[in-house]
Amino acid sequence: QDAIDRKEKRSETFKTAVQGLETDTPALKTEELGRRAPQWVRDNLVTMCMRCKEPFNAITRRRHHCRACGYVVCARCSDYKAELQYDGNRPNRVCQECYIFLTGHTVLEDREGKHKGILEKGAAEVSSRSLLCSSLQLLDKNGKGGTRGWFVIPQDDPLVLYIYAAPQDVRAHTSIPLLGYQVRDMPQGESRHLFQLAQSRQVFTFVADSEELKRRWMRAMARSAAGITDPEEEEEDA
């Protein structure tokens, strides 16, 4: 019971963090780097480095903030110093990309031109142009536990469901092609709003935070499963 209580408390913290996404200050424009202090991306909104996309852990890959752009990055990607005008031109820790821009210096490792894979779409960017996005829980096969994350159906890829560990991650950890799936409603149990995606022997069970959100996801997934790709007009808030 103690473990359950701790898990629910972490879920509430995650939801509270997500609610503030829409009011966050937009990222600095390129010409403002170093001239104006950035708003830092909060640690609890990312699970991986926003530059190299490697997962964070408590020992070998810890979180740091770039003082120029505000991104959450690992030690390797922020092992650079650059003078920032907003801080009296004192040297500050910055990420590789900001270091190159601010100093004009090149580095041995250059990731420019690297092709982005299907999962390497940033959650924040995709969510801003999505048919639907929110936090959901995906249950495991026995239906007793599962993983909570950030789920998105992008406008430019409306037949695929992208699953992120956190709403500011720069890479999805998996995706589900929705075409051909059946969307099933499930009876509400233990105050949980359940629904399923099913195709042959493959079944995914989801938990939404409210009955309204569940209905919105069922409708969006059903349209994608039927191959309907044209975006609908945004629904007014209830």
C-alpha atoms as a PDB file:
ATOM      1  CA  GLN A   1       0.000   0.000   0.000  1.00  0.00           C
ATOM      2  CA  ASP A   2       2.893   2.337   0.780  1.00  0.00           C
ATOM      3  CA  ALA A   3       4.365   1.674  -2.671  1.00  0.00           C
ATOM      4  CA  ILE A   4       0.983   2.376  -4.291  1.00  0.00           C
ATOM      5  CA  ASP A   5       0.662   5.656  -2.378  1.00  0.00           C
ATOM      6  CA  ARG A   6       4.126   6.775  -3.510  1.00  0.00           C
ATOM      7  CA  LYS A   7       3.351   5.933  -7.134  1.00  0.00           C
ATOM      8  CA  GLU A   8       0.079   7.876  -7.038  1.00  0.00           C
ATOM      9  CA  LYS A   9       1.870  10.870  -5.528  1.00  0.00           C
ATOM     10  CA  ARG A  10       4.418  10.814  -8.377  1.00  0.00           C
ATOM     11  CA  SER A  11       1.568  10.642 -10.899  1.00  0.00           C
ATOM     12  CA  GLU A  12      -0.061  13.696  -9.344  1.00  0.00           C
ATOM     13  CA  THR A  13       3.255  15.570  -9.526  1.00  0.00           C
ATOM     14  CA  PHE A  14       3.510  14.657 -13.217  1.00  0.00           C
ATOM     15  CA  LYS A  15      -0.011  15.893 -13.942  1.00  0.00           C
ATOM     16  CA  THR A  16       0.643  19.164 -12.113  1.00  0.00           C
ATOM     17  CA  ALA A  17       3.757  19.711 -14.203  1.00  0.00           C
ATOM     18  CA  VAL A  18       1.889  18.974 -17.420  1.00  0.00           C
ATOM     19  CA  GLN A  19      -0.823  21.515 -16.617  1.00  0.00           C
ATOM     20  CA  GLY A  20       1.753  24.308 -16.754  1.00  0.00           C
ATOM     21  CA  LEU A  21       3.009  23.471 -20.240  1.00  0.00           C
ATOM     22  CA  GLU A  22       0.660  25.756 -22.141  1.00  0.00           C
ATOM     23  CA  THR A  23       1.674  28.804 -20.099  1.00  0.00           C
ATOM     24  CA  ASP A  24       5.422  28.275 -20.398  1.00  0.00           C
ATOM     25  CA  THR A  25       7.444  31.092 -21.930  1.00  0.00           C
ATOM     26  CA  PRO A  26       8.366  30.264 -25.547  1.00  0.00           C
ATOM     27  CA  ALA A  27      11.954  29.293 -26.320  1.00  0.00           C
ATOM     28  CA  LEU A  28      14.388  32.128 -27.005  1.00  0.00           C
ATOM     29  CA  LYS A  29      14.931  33.161 -30.583  1.00  0.00           C
ATOM     30  CA  THR A  30      18.395  32.464 -31.943  1.00  0.00           C
ATOM     31  CA  GLU A  31      19.392  36.125 -31.914  1.00  0.00           C
ATOM     32  CA  GLU A  32      18.455  36.349 -28.208  1.00  0.00           C
ATOM     33  CA  LEU A  33      20.816  33.576 -27.079  1.00  0.00           C
ATOM     34  CA  GLY A  34      23.205  34.929 -24.470  1.00  0.00           C
ATOM     35  CA  ARG A  35      21.512  38.315 -24.426  1.00  0.00           C
ATOM     36  CA  ARG A  36      18.468  37.339 -22.377  1.00  0.00           C
ATOM     37  CA  ALA A  37      18.137  34.778 -19.588  1.00  0.00           C
ATOM     38  CA  PRO A  38      16.153  31.729 -20.773  1.00  0.00           C
ATOM     39  CA  GLN A  39      13.347  30.019 -18.913  1.00  0.00           C
ATOM     40  CA  TRP A  40      14.707  26.638 -17.877  1.00  0.00           C
ATOM     41  CA  VAL A  41      12.861  23.511 -18.947  1.00  0.00           C
ATOM     42  CA  ARG A  42      11.853  21.807 -15.718  1.00  0.00           C
ATOM     43  CA  ASP A  43      13.739  18.659 -14.774  1.00  0.00           C
ATOM     44  CA  ASN A  44      10.587  16.603 -14.252  1.00  0.00           C
ATOM     45  CA  LEU A  45       9.397  17.218 -17.829  1.00  0.00           C
ATOM     46  CA  VAL A  46      12.203  15.274 -19.503  1.00  0.00           C
ATOM     47  CA  THR A  47      13.650  11.803 -19.079  1.00  0.00           C
ATOM     48  CA  MET A  48      16.459  12.128 -21.632  1.00  0.00           C
ATOM     49  CA  CYS A  49      19.056  14.679 -22.749  1.00  0.00           C
ATOM     50  CA  MET A  50      17.384  17.194 -25.078  1.00  0.00           C
ATOM     51  CA  ARG A  51      20.496  17.208 -27.303  1.00  0.00           C
ATOM     52  CA  CYS A  52      21.897  13.664 -27.582  1.00  0.00           C
ATOM     53  CA  LYS A  53      18.646  11.922 -26.492  1.00  0.00           C
ATOM     54  CA  GLU A  54      20.420   9.570 -24.071  1.00  0.00           C
ATOM     55  CA  PRO A  55      18.285   8.654 -21.005  1.00  0.00           C
ATOM     56  CA  PHE A  56      19.156  10.282 -17.694  1.00  0.00           C
ATOM     57  CA  ASN A  57      20.042   8.243 -14.625  1.00  0.00           C
ATOM     58  CA  ALA A  58      21.078   9.142 -11.093  1.00  0.00           C
ATOM     59  CA  ILE A  59      24.710   8.046 -11.391  1.00  0.00           C
ATOM     60  CA  THR A  60      26.347   8.209 -14.817  1.00  0.00           C
ATOM     61  CA  ARG A  61      24.125  10.670 -16.702  1.00  0.00           C
ATOM     62  CA  ARG A  62      22.777  13.510 -14.601  1.00  0.00           C
ATOM     63  CA  ARG A  63      20.686  16.539 -15.558  1.00  0.00           C
ATOM     64  CA  HIS A  64      22.221  19.960 -16.240  1.00  0.00           C
ATOM     65  CA  HIS A  65      20.785  23.147 -17.711  1.00  0.00           C
ATOM     66  CA  CYS A  66      22.252  25.111 -20.595  1.00  0.00           C
ATOM     67  CA  ARG A  67      22.460  28.718 -19.372  1.00  0.00           C
ATOM     68  CA  ALA A  68      21.879  30.037 -22.889  1.00  0.00           C
ATOM     69  CA  CYS A  69      18.832  28.114 -24.165  1.00  0.00           C
ATOM     70  CA  GLY A  70      17.497  26.559 -20.941  1.00  0.00           C
ATOM     71  CA  TYR A  71      17.467  22.980 -22.256  1.00  0.00           C
ATOM     72  CA  VAL A  72      17.986  20.035 -19.879  1.00  0.00           C
ATOM     73  CA  VAL A  73      21.146  18.286 -21.073  1.00  0.00           C
ATOM     74  CA  CYS A  74      23.650  15.704 -19.885  1.00  0.00           C
ATOM     75  CA  ALA A  75      27.182  16.492 -18.690  1.00  0.00           C
ATOM     76  CA  ARG A  76      28.745  15.490 -22.013  1.00  0.00           C
ATOM     77  CA  CYS A  77      26.479  17.776 -24.026  1.00  0.00           C
ATOM     78  CA  SER A  78      26.988  20.728 -21.632  1.00  0.00           C
ATOM     79  CA  ASP A  79      30.746  20.473 -21.175  1.00  0.00           C
ATOM     80  CA  TYR A  80      31.322  23.912 -22.729  1.00  0.00           C
ATOM     81  CA  LYS A  81      31.741  27.493 -21.490  1.00  0.00           C
ATOM     82  CA  ALA A  82      30.617  30.656 -23.220  1.00  0.00           C
ATOM     83  CA  GLU A  83      30.352  34.297 -22.156  1.00  0.00           C
ATOM     84  CA  LEU A  84      26.731  35.383 -21.731  1.00  0.00           C
ATOM     85  CA  GLN A  85      25.805  39.025 -22.103  1.00  0.00           C
ATOM     86  CA  TYR A  86      22.893  38.873 -19.647  1.00  0.00           C
ATOM     87  CA  ASP A  87      25.285  37.652 -16.931  1.00  0.00           C
ATOM     88  CA  GLY A  88      27.881  40.394 -17.350  1.00  0.00           C
ATOM     89  CA  ASN A  89      29.796  38.445 -20.015  1.00  0.00           C
ATOM     90  CA  ARG A  90      30.881  35.865 -17.445  1.00  0.00           C
ATOM     91  CA  PRO A  91      31.580  32.303 -18.687  1.00  0.00           C
ATOM     92  CA  ASN A  92      28.601  29.990 -18.144  1.00  0.00           C
ATOM     93  CA  ARG A  93      27.893  26.324 -18.795  1.00  0.00           C
ATOM     94  CA  VAL A  94      26.214  25.900 -22.193  1.00  0.00           C
ATOM     95  CA  CYS A  95      25.305  23.068 -24.547  1.00  0.00           C
ATOM     96  CA  GLN A  96      27.317  22.264 -27.662  1.00  0.00           C
ATOM     97  CA  GLU A  97      24.894  23.931 -30.086  1.00  0.00           C
ATOM     98  CA  CYS A  98      24.831  27.203 -28.122  1.00  0.00           C
ATOM     99  CA  TYR A  99      28.614  27.088 -27.722  1.00  0.00           C
ATOM    100  CA  ILE A 100      29.076  26.887 -31.495  1.00  0.00           C
ATOM    101  CA  PHE A 101      26.604  29.725 -32.083  1.00  0.00           C
ATOM    102  CA  LEU A 102      27.937  32.040 -29.366  1.00  0.00           C
ATOM    103  CA  THR A 103      31.673  31.542 -29.949  1.00  0.00           C
ATOM    104  CA  GLY A 104      31.879  30.594 -33.612  1.00  0.00           C
ATOM    105  CA  HIS A 105      34.162  27.718 -32.645  1.00  0.00           C
ATOM    106  CA  THR A 106      33.747  24.230 -34.043  1.00  0.00           C
ATOM    107  CA  VAL A 107      33.965  20.987 -32.090  1.00  0.00           C
ATOM    108  CA  LEU A 108      35.250  17.584 -33.118  1.00  0.00           C
ATOM    109  CA  GLU A 109      31.882  15.875 -32.745  1.00  0.00           C
ATOM    110  CA  ASP A 110      29.339  17.334 -35.134  1.00  0.00           C
ATOM    111  CA  ARG A 111      25.787  16.050 -35.172  1.00  0.00           C
ATOM    112  CA  GLU A 112      24.585  18.470 -37.846  1.00  0.00           C
ATOM    113  CA  GLY A 113      22.861  16.787 -40.755  1.00  0.00           C
ATOM    114  CA  LYS A 114      22.046  13.657 -38.786  1.00  0.00           C
ATOM    115  CA  HIS A 115      18.795  12.237 -40.140  1.00  0.00           C
ATOM    116  CA  LYS A 116      15.949  12.099 -37.641  1.00  0.00           C
ATOM    117  CA  GLY A 117      14.353   8.697 -37.200  1.00  0.00           C
ATOM    118  CA  ILE A 118      10.613   8.173 -36.919  1.00  0.00           C
ATOM    119  CA  LEU A 119      10.723   8.376 -33.111  1.00  0.00           C
ATOM    120  CA  GLU A 120      13.007  11.428 -32.970  1.00  0.00           C
ATOM    121  CA  LYS A 121      10.230  13.995 -33.030  1.00  0.00           C
ATOM    122  CA  GLY A 122      10.234  16.267 -29.995  1.00  0.00           C
ATOM    123  CA  ALA A 123       7.148  15.905 -27.809  1.00  0.00           C
ATOM    124  CA  ALA A 124       6.608  19.642 -27.338  1.00  0.00           C
ATOM    125  CA  GLU A 125       6.875  20.353 -31.075  1.00  0.00           C
ATOM    126  CA  VAL A 126       4.593  17.469 -32.039  1.00  0.00           C
ATOM    127  CA  SER A 127       2.069  18.315 -29.309  1.00  0.00           C
ATOM    128  CA  SER A 128       1.713  21.878 -30.589  1.00  0.00           C
ATOM    129  CA  ARG A 129       0.560  20.458 -33.940  1.00  0.00           C
ATOM    130  CA  SER A 130      -1.437  17.447 -32.806  1.00  0.00           C
ATOM    131  CA  LEU A 131      -4.911  16.050 -33.276  1.00  0.00           C
ATOM    132  CA  LEU A 132      -4.881  15.091 -29.613  1.00  0.00           C
ATOM    133  CA  CYS A 133      -2.291  14.896 -26.841  1.00  0.00           C
ATOM    134  CA  SER A 134      -2.426  14.260 -23.107  1.00  0.00           C
ATOM    135  CA  SER A 135      -1.076  12.068 -20.366  1.00  0.00           C
ATOM    136  CA  LEU A 136      -2.409   8.498 -20.266  1.00  0.00           C
ATOM    137  CA  GLN A 137      -1.468   5.253 -18.598  1.00  0.00           C
ATOM    138  CA  LEU A 138      -0.714   2.165 -20.680  1.00  0.00           C
ATOM    139  CA  LEU A 139      -1.384  -0.986 -18.672  1.00  0.00           C
ATOM    140  CA  ASP A 140       0.767  -4.083 -18.876  1.00  0.00           C
ATOM    141  CA  LYS A 141      -0.590  -7.401 -20.146  1.00  0.00           C
ATOM    142  CA  ASN A 142      -2.029  -8.500 -16.806  1.00  0.00           C
ATOM    143  CA  GLY A 143      -3.778  -5.153 -16.349  1.00  0.00           C
ATOM    144  CA  LYS A 144      -2.424  -4.598 -12.831  1.00  0.00           C
ATOM    145  CA  GLY A 145       0.382  -2.148 -13.523  1.00  0.00           C
ATOM    146  CA  GLY A 146       1.635   0.007 -16.311  1.00  0.00           C
ATOM    147  CA  THR A 147       3.505   3.040 -17.516  1.00  0.00           C
ATOM    148  CA  ARG A 148       2.264   6.612 -17.432  1.00  0.00           C
ATOM    149  CA  GLY A 149       3.454   8.860 -20.209  1.00  0.00           C
ATOM    150  CA  TRP A 150       2.652  11.548 -22.765  1.00  0.00           C
ATOM    151  CA  PHE A 151       0.629  10.332 -25.776  1.00  0.00           C
ATOM    152  CA  VAL A 152       0.331  12.227 -29.071  1.00  0.00           C
ATOM    153  CA  ILE A 153      -1.371  11.770 -32.458  1.00  0.00           C
ATOM    154  CA  PRO A 154       0.413  14.330 -34.706  1.00  0.00           C
ATOM    155  CA  GLN A 155      -1.384  16.220 -37.462  1.00  0.00           C
ATOM    156  CA  ASP A 156       1.395  15.403 -39.931  1.00  0.00           C
ATOM    157  CA  ASP A 157       1.326  11.689 -39.024  1.00  0.00           C
ATOM    158  CA  PRO A 158      -2.334  11.127 -38.043  1.00  0.00           C
ATOM    159  CA  LEU A 159      -2.303   7.328 -38.319  1.00  0.00           C
ATOM    160  CA  VAL A 160       0.339   6.814 -35.619  1.00  0.00           C
ATOM    161  CA  LEU A 161       0.221   7.125 -31.829  1.00  0.00           C
ATOM    162  CA  TYR A 162       3.518   8.367 -30.351  1.00  0.00           C
ATOM    163  CA  ILE A 163       4.341   7.579 -26.716  1.00  0.00           C
ATOM    164  CA  TYR A 164       6.779   9.745 -24.746  1.00  0.00           C
ATOM    165  CA  ALA A 165       7.955   9.204 -21.193  1.00  0.00           C
ATOM    166  CA  ALA A 166       7.545  12.949 -20.490  1.00  0.00           C
ATOM    167  CA  PRO A 167       5.924  15.895 -22.333  1.00  0.00           C
ATOM    168  CA  GLN A 168       9.189  17.694 -23.147  1.00  0.00           C
ATOM    169  CA  ASP A 169      11.230  14.684 -24.275  1.00  0.00           C
ATOM    170  CA  VAL A 170      12.949  15.058 -27.642  1.00  0.00           C
ATOM    171  CA  ARG A 171      12.412  11.433 -28.629  1.00  0.00           C
ATOM    172  CA  ALA A 172       9.454   9.050 -28.355  1.00  0.00           C
ATOM    173  CA  HIS A 173      10.258   5.688 -26.822  1.00  0.00           C
ATOM    174  CA  THR A 174       7.731   3.829 -28.981  1.00  0.00           C
ATOM    175  CA  SER A 175       4.915   4.274 -31.496  1.00  0.00           C
ATOM    176  CA  ILE A 176       1.770   2.345 -32.424  1.00  0.00           C
ATOM    177  CA  PRO A 177       0.432   2.371 -36.027  1.00  0.00           C
ATOM    178  CA  LEU A 178      -3.313   2.822 -35.505  1.00  0.00           C
ATOM    179  CA  LEU A 179      -4.637   1.785 -38.927  1.00  0.00           C
ATOM    180  CA  GLY A 180      -6.832  -1.299 -38.708  1.00  0.00           C
ATOM    181  CA  TYR A 181      -7.203  -1.369 -34.928  1.00  0.00           C
ATOM    182  CA  GLN A 182     -10.565  -1.601 -33.175  1.00  0.00           C
ATOM    183  CA  VAL A 183     -11.317   0.793 -30.335  1.00  0.00           C
ATOM    184  CA  ARG A 184     -13.142  -0.853 -27.441  1.00  0.00           C
ATOM    185  CA  ASP A 185     -14.906   0.755 -24.527  1.00  0.00           C
ATOM    186  CA  MET A 186     -14.475  -0.906 -21.139  1.00  0.00           C
ATOM    187  CA  PRO A 187     -16.592  -0.685 -17.980  1.00  0.00           C
ATOM    188  CA  GLN A 188     -15.345   1.788 -15.435  1.00  0.00           C
ATOM    189  CA  GLY A 189     -13.623  -0.009 -12.596  1.00  0.00           C
ATOM    190  CA  GLU A 190     -12.107   1.307  -9.378  1.00  0.00           C
ATOM    191  CA  SER A 191     -12.628   4.904 -10.591  1.00  0.00           C
ATOM    192  CA  ARG A 192     -10.483   4.168 -13.668  1.00  0.00           C
ATOM    193  CA  HIS A 193     -11.564   5.193 -17.166  1.00  0.00           C
ATOM    194  CA  LEU A 194     -10.462   2.278 -19.363  1.00  0.00           C
ATOM    195  CA  PHE A 195     -10.464   1.659 -23.112  1.00  0.00           C
ATOM    196  CA  GLN A 196      -8.582  -0.621 -25.500  1.00  0.00           C
ATOM    197  CA  LEU A 197      -6.978  -0.853 -28.911  1.00  0.00           C
ATOM    198  CA  ALA A 198      -7.259  -4.357 -30.356  1.00  0.00           C
ATOM    199  CA  GLN A 199      -6.083  -6.032 -33.535  1.00  0.00           C
ATOM    200  CA  SER A 200      -5.850  -9.824 -33.834  1.00  0.00           C
ATOM    201  CA  ARG A 201      -4.040 -10.938 -30.657  1.00  0.00           C
ATOM    202  CA  GLN A 202      -2.474  -7.525 -30.013  1.00  0.00           C
ATOM    203  CA  VAL A 203      -4.333  -5.578 -27.308  1.00  0.00           C
ATOM    204  CA  PHE A 204      -3.373  -2.281 -25.639  1.00  0.00           C
ATOM    205  CA  THR A 205      -5.291  -1.111 -22.557  1.00  0.00           C
ATOM    206  CA  PHE A 206      -5.267   2.574 -21.616  1.00  0.00           C
ATOM    207  CA  VAL A 207      -6.397   4.531 -18.546  1.00  0.00           C
ATOM    208  CA  ALA A 208      -7.532   8.151 -18.960  1.00  0.00           C
ATOM    209  CA  ASP A 209      -7.811  10.736 -16.188  1.00  0.00           C
ATOM    210  CA  SER A 210     -11.479  11.445 -16.888  1.00  0.00           C
ATOM    211  CA  GLU A 211     -14.430  10.022 -18.803  1.00  0.00           C
ATOM    212  CA  GLU A 212     -14.423  13.043 -21.130  1.00  0.00           C
ATOM    213  CA  LEU A 213     -10.749  12.567 -21.986  1.00  0.00           C
ATOM    214  CA  LYS A 214     -11.371   8.854 -22.557  1.00  0.00           C
ATOM    215  CA  ARG A 215     -14.145   9.640 -25.083  1.00  0.00           C
ATOM    216  CA  ARG A 216     -11.942  12.133 -26.913  1.00  0.00           C
ATOM    217  CA  TRP A 217      -9.146   9.555 -27.252  1.00  0.00           C
ATOM    218  CA  MET A 218     -11.542   6.828 -28.384  1.00  0.00           C
ATOM    219  CA  ARG A 219     -12.938   9.111 -31.078  1.00  0.00           C
ATOM    220  CA  ALA A 220      -9.478  10.256 -32.263  1.00  0.00           C
ATOM    221  CA  MET A 221      -8.117   6.704 -32.351  1.00  0.00           C
ATOM    222  CA  ALA A 222     -11.196   5.394 -34.160  1.00  0.00           C
ATOM    223  CA  ARG A 223     -10.748   8.013 -36.897  1.00  0.00           C
ATOM    224  CA  SER A 224      -7.072   7.124 -37.284  1.00  0.00           C
ATOM    225  CA  ALA A 225      -7.846   3.391 -37.282  1.00  0.00           C
ATOM    226  CA  ALA A 226     -10.323   3.989 -40.111  1.00  0.00           C
ATOM    227  CA  GLY A 227      -7.705   5.887 -42.138  1.00  0.00           C
ATOM    228  CA  ILE A 228      -9.330   9.327 -41.782  1.00  0.00           C
ATOM    229  CA  THR A 229      -6.455  11.801 -42.067  1.00  0.00           C
ATOM    230  CA  ASP A 230      -8.083  15.224 -42.486  1.00  0.00           C
ATOM    231  CA  PRO A 231      -7.869  17.269 -39.247  1.00  0.00           C
ATOM    232  CA  GLU A 232     -11.165  18.169 -37.669  1.00  0.00           C
ATOM    233  CA  GLU A 233     -12.053  21.608 -36.413  1.00  0.00           C
ATOM    234  CA  GLU A 234     -10.996  22.099 -32.817  1.00  0.00           C
ATOM    235  CA  GLU A 235     -13.760  21.318 -30.368  1.00  0.00           C
ATOM    236  CA  GLU A 236     -14.782  24.029 -27.962  1.00  0.00           C
ATOM    237  CA  ASP A 237     -14.024  23.398 -24.339  1.00  0.00           C
ATOM    238  CA  ALA A 238     -16.939  22.038 -22.410  1.00  0.00           C
END
